Amino acid sequence: MSDTAGTSEQQESTGIVVGLDISVPAQAALAWAANQARLTGQDLMAVHAVFPWGTYLAAGGFVPVTMPSDAVQDHQRDMIEKLFASVGPEPTWKLQFVGDDPGPALVAASRGASMLVIGTREHTGWGRVLSGSVSHHCLSHAHCPVLAVPVERPARAGRSAAAASATSHA
């Protein structure tokens, strides 16, 4: 006898969620997520989250900052829309703009998703203190599996030609 009591409460997957901004790591994550969505027949939702203009976390509190003009905000939105369009989105795929801290916004979007895909950046020292780590926040708090897509790094300048040749022929 099978038990089906719990199946009605299970949440249906909303597909793959990917964090998107104009960075190279986020673009790599979008490309990977679009490919995976096509391979698995899932929907894709790209989420562009930006902390609301007008406030900035500084030294333990929020302080007002100069807001960029509407033209600057429109330009950024256009760039994100073009990045999303560059992967040839399917008709059911969505691009969502969220006025929130990116980490919590992506975690919220991960509820019910089959996967959350994020790019990884290398923030160290003060860069990590000031901007935090969206990828770390998502890995720690997401409601679904998280895939962090690394960006290919160029070969080191000090690498010998023989080592490069051996690698390419392997």
Protein backbone atom coordinates (compact mmCIF):
# COMPACT_ATOMS: atom_id res chain seq x y z
CA MET A 1 0.00 0.00 0.00
CA SER A 2 1.51 3.30 -1.00
CA ASP A 3 1.34 6.45 1.07
CA THR A 4 0.27 9.48 -1.00
CA ALA A 5 -0.75 11.81 1.82
CA GLY A 6 2.35 13.99 1.53
CA THR A 7 2.28 14.48 -2.24
CA SER A 8 -0.41 17.17 -2.23
CA GLU A 9 1.73 19.36 0.02
CA GLN A 10 4.85 19.10 -2.11
CA GLN A 11 5.60 22.29 -4.01
CA GLU A 12 5.99 21.99 -7.76
CA SER A 13 9.33 23.21 -9.08
CA THR A 14 9.37 26.67 -10.60
CA GLY A 15 12.43 25.74 -12.65
CA ILE A 16 15.92 27.16 -12.56
CA VAL A 17 16.65 30.53 -10.97
CA VAL A 18 19.80 32.45 -11.91
CA GLY A 19 21.25 35.61 -10.40
CA LEU A 20 22.01 38.20 -13.09
CA ASP A 21 23.98 41.41 -13.11
CA ILE A 22 26.44 42.88 -15.62
CA SER A 23 29.47 41.05 -14.23
CA VAL A 24 31.36 38.39 -16.18
CA PRO A 25 30.65 35.74 -13.50
CA ALA A 26 26.90 36.43 -13.67
CA GLN A 27 26.99 36.22 -17.46
CA ALA A 28 28.72 32.82 -17.19
CA ALA A 29 26.03 31.70 -14.73
CA LEU A 30 23.27 32.86 -17.10
CA ALA A 31 24.80 30.97 -20.04
CA TRP A 32 25.13 27.78 -17.95
CA ALA A 33 21.60 28.09 -16.55
CA ALA A 34 20.08 28.72 -20.01
CA ASN A 35 21.83 25.65 -21.39
CA GLN A 36 20.72 23.53 -18.44
CA ALA A 37 17.13 24.76 -18.73
CA ARG A 38 17.07 23.77 -22.40
CA LEU A 39 18.64 20.36 -21.72
CA THR A 40 16.16 19.56 -18.96
CA GLY A 41 13.08 21.28 -20.42
CA GLN A 42 12.71 23.57 -17.42
CA ASP A 43 11.69 27.19 -17.19
CA LEU A 44 14.29 29.80 -16.28
CA MET A 45 13.91 32.88 -14.15
CA ALA A 46 16.75 35.39 -14.13
CA VAL A 47 16.72 37.68 -11.09
CA HIS A 48 18.46 41.05 -11.12
CA ALA A 49 18.50 42.38 -7.58
CA VAL A 50 19.92 45.74 -6.62
CA PHE A 51 19.86 47.20 -3.15
CA PRO A 52 17.36 50.08 -3.27
CA TRP A 53 18.88 53.34 -4.40
CA GLY A 54 19.07 56.04 -1.77
CA THR A 55 20.59 54.05 1.07
CA TYR A 56 23.95 52.46 1.63
CA LEU A 57 25.26 50.36 4.47
CA ALA A 58 28.15 52.17 6.11
CA ALA A 59 29.80 51.72 9.51
CA GLY A 60 26.88 49.94 11.12
CA GLY A 61 24.00 51.99 9.70
CA PHE A 62 22.24 53.15 6.60
CA VAL A 63 23.06 56.58 5.27
CA PRO A 64 21.56 58.45 2.33
CA VAL A 65 23.56 58.62 -0.89
CA THR A 66 23.04 60.47 -4.13
CA MET A 67 20.66 58.56 -6.36
CA PRO A 68 21.67 58.03 -9.96
CA SER A 69 19.55 59.72 -12.57
CA ASP A 70 16.63 57.95 -14.19
CA ALA A 71 18.73 57.76 -17.36
CA VAL A 72 21.47 55.82 -15.53
CA GLN A 73 18.94 53.42 -14.01
CA ASP A 74 17.23 52.97 -17.41
CA HIS A 75 20.60 52.26 -19.03
CA GLN A 76 21.40 49.60 -16.43
CA ARG A 77 17.99 47.99 -16.93
CA ASP A 78 18.52 47.99 -20.71
CA MET A 79 21.92 46.30 -20.29
CA ILE A 80 20.37 43.55 -18.12
CA GLU A 81 17.55 43.04 -20.63
CA LYS A 82 20.09 42.71 -23.46
CA LEU A 83 22.14 40.18 -21.48
CA PHE A 84 19.01 38.13 -20.88
CA ALA A 85 18.05 38.37 -24.56
CA SER A 86 21.55 37.22 -25.57
CA VAL A 87 20.80 33.65 -24.46
CA GLY A 88 17.72 33.44 -26.71
CA PRO A 89 15.15 33.03 -23.95
CA GLU A 90 12.24 30.68 -24.46
CA PRO A 91 8.76 32.27 -24.31
CA THR A 92 8.14 30.95 -20.78
CA TRP A 93 11.41 32.27 -19.34
CA LYS A 94 11.26 35.37 -17.15
CA LEU A 95 13.48 38.26 -16.15
CA GLN A 96 12.66 39.77 -12.79
CA PHE A 97 13.95 43.06 -11.36
CA VAL A 98 14.01 43.24 -7.57
CA GLY A 99 14.80 46.22 -5.34
CA ASP A 100 16.46 44.29 -2.53
CA ASP A 101 19.81 43.08 -1.30
CA PRO A 102 20.87 40.44 -3.89
CA GLY A 103 21.61 37.61 -1.42
CA PRO A 104 18.23 37.61 0.33
CA ALA A 105 16.41 38.28 -2.97
CA LEU A 106 17.98 35.22 -4.60
CA VAL A 107 17.30 33.08 -1.54
CA ALA A 108 13.63 34.15 -1.66
CA ALA A 109 13.49 33.33 -5.39
CA SER A 110 14.99 29.90 -4.68
CA ARG A 111 11.90 28.79 -2.78
CA GLY A 112 10.30 26.14 -4.98
CA ALA A 113 13.08 26.23 -7.58
CA SER A 114 14.83 23.10 -8.77
CA MET A 115 18.18 24.89 -8.70
CA LEU A 116 19.74 28.30 -8.02
CA VAL A 117 22.66 29.22 -10.30
CA ILE A 118 25.05 31.99 -9.32
CA GLY A 119 28.34 33.36 -10.57
CA THR A 120 31.31 33.59 -8.26
CA ARG A 121 33.49 36.60 -7.68
CA GLU A 122 36.70 36.86 -5.79
CA HIS A 123 36.18 39.50 -3.14
CA THR A 124 38.88 39.58 -0.52
CA GLY A 125 39.78 41.94 2.28
CA TRP A 126 37.79 45.19 2.30
CA GLY A 127 35.98 44.28 -0.91
CA ARG A 128 34.30 41.36 0.83
CA VAL A 129 33.56 43.43 3.95
CA LEU A 130 31.95 46.22 1.94
CA SER A 131 30.04 44.17 -0.61
CA GLY A 132 29.61 40.88 1.23
CA SER A 133 29.41 37.65 -0.64
CA VAL A 134 26.17 36.96 -2.46
CA SER A 135 27.37 33.48 -3.42
CA HIS A 136 28.23 32.62 0.19
CA HIS A 137 24.85 33.89 1.38
CA CYS A 138 23.04 31.81 -1.25
CA LEU A 139 25.07 28.68 -0.53
CA SER A 140 24.24 29.05 3.17
CA HIS A 141 20.54 29.91 2.95
CA ALA A 142 18.96 28.75 -0.35
CA HIS A 143 15.89 26.53 -0.37
CA CYS A 144 17.20 24.36 -3.23
CA PRO A 145 20.51 23.08 -4.58
CA VAL A 146 22.93 25.87 -5.54
CA LEU A 147 25.42 25.74 -8.39
CA ALA A 148 28.22 28.32 -8.29
CA VAL A 149 29.65 28.80 -11.79
CA PRO A 150 33.32 29.80 -11.86
CA VAL A 151 34.68 31.96 -14.64
CA GLU A 152 37.56 30.57 -16.66
CA ARG A 153 40.74 32.36 -15.81
CA PRO A 154 43.33 33.19 -18.45
CA ALA A 155 46.54 31.18 -18.33
CA ARG A 156 49.24 32.60 -16.11
CA ALA A 157 51.79 34.80 -17.83
CA GLY A 158 54.67 32.86 -16.28
CA ARG A 159 53.53 29.53 -17.68
CA SER A 160 56.03 28.02 -20.06
CA ALA A 161 55.24 27.37 -23.71
CA ALA A 162 56.15 23.69 -23.22
CA ALA A 163 53.63 23.33 -20.38
CA ALA A 164 50.95 25.07 -22.45
CA SER A 165 51.70 22.80 -25.41
CA ALA A 166 51.63 19.65 -23.26
CA THR A 167 48.26 20.69 -21.81
CA SER A 168 46.73 21.37 -25.21
CA HIS A 169 47.82 17.99 -26.58
CA ALA A 170 46.68 15.96 -23.57
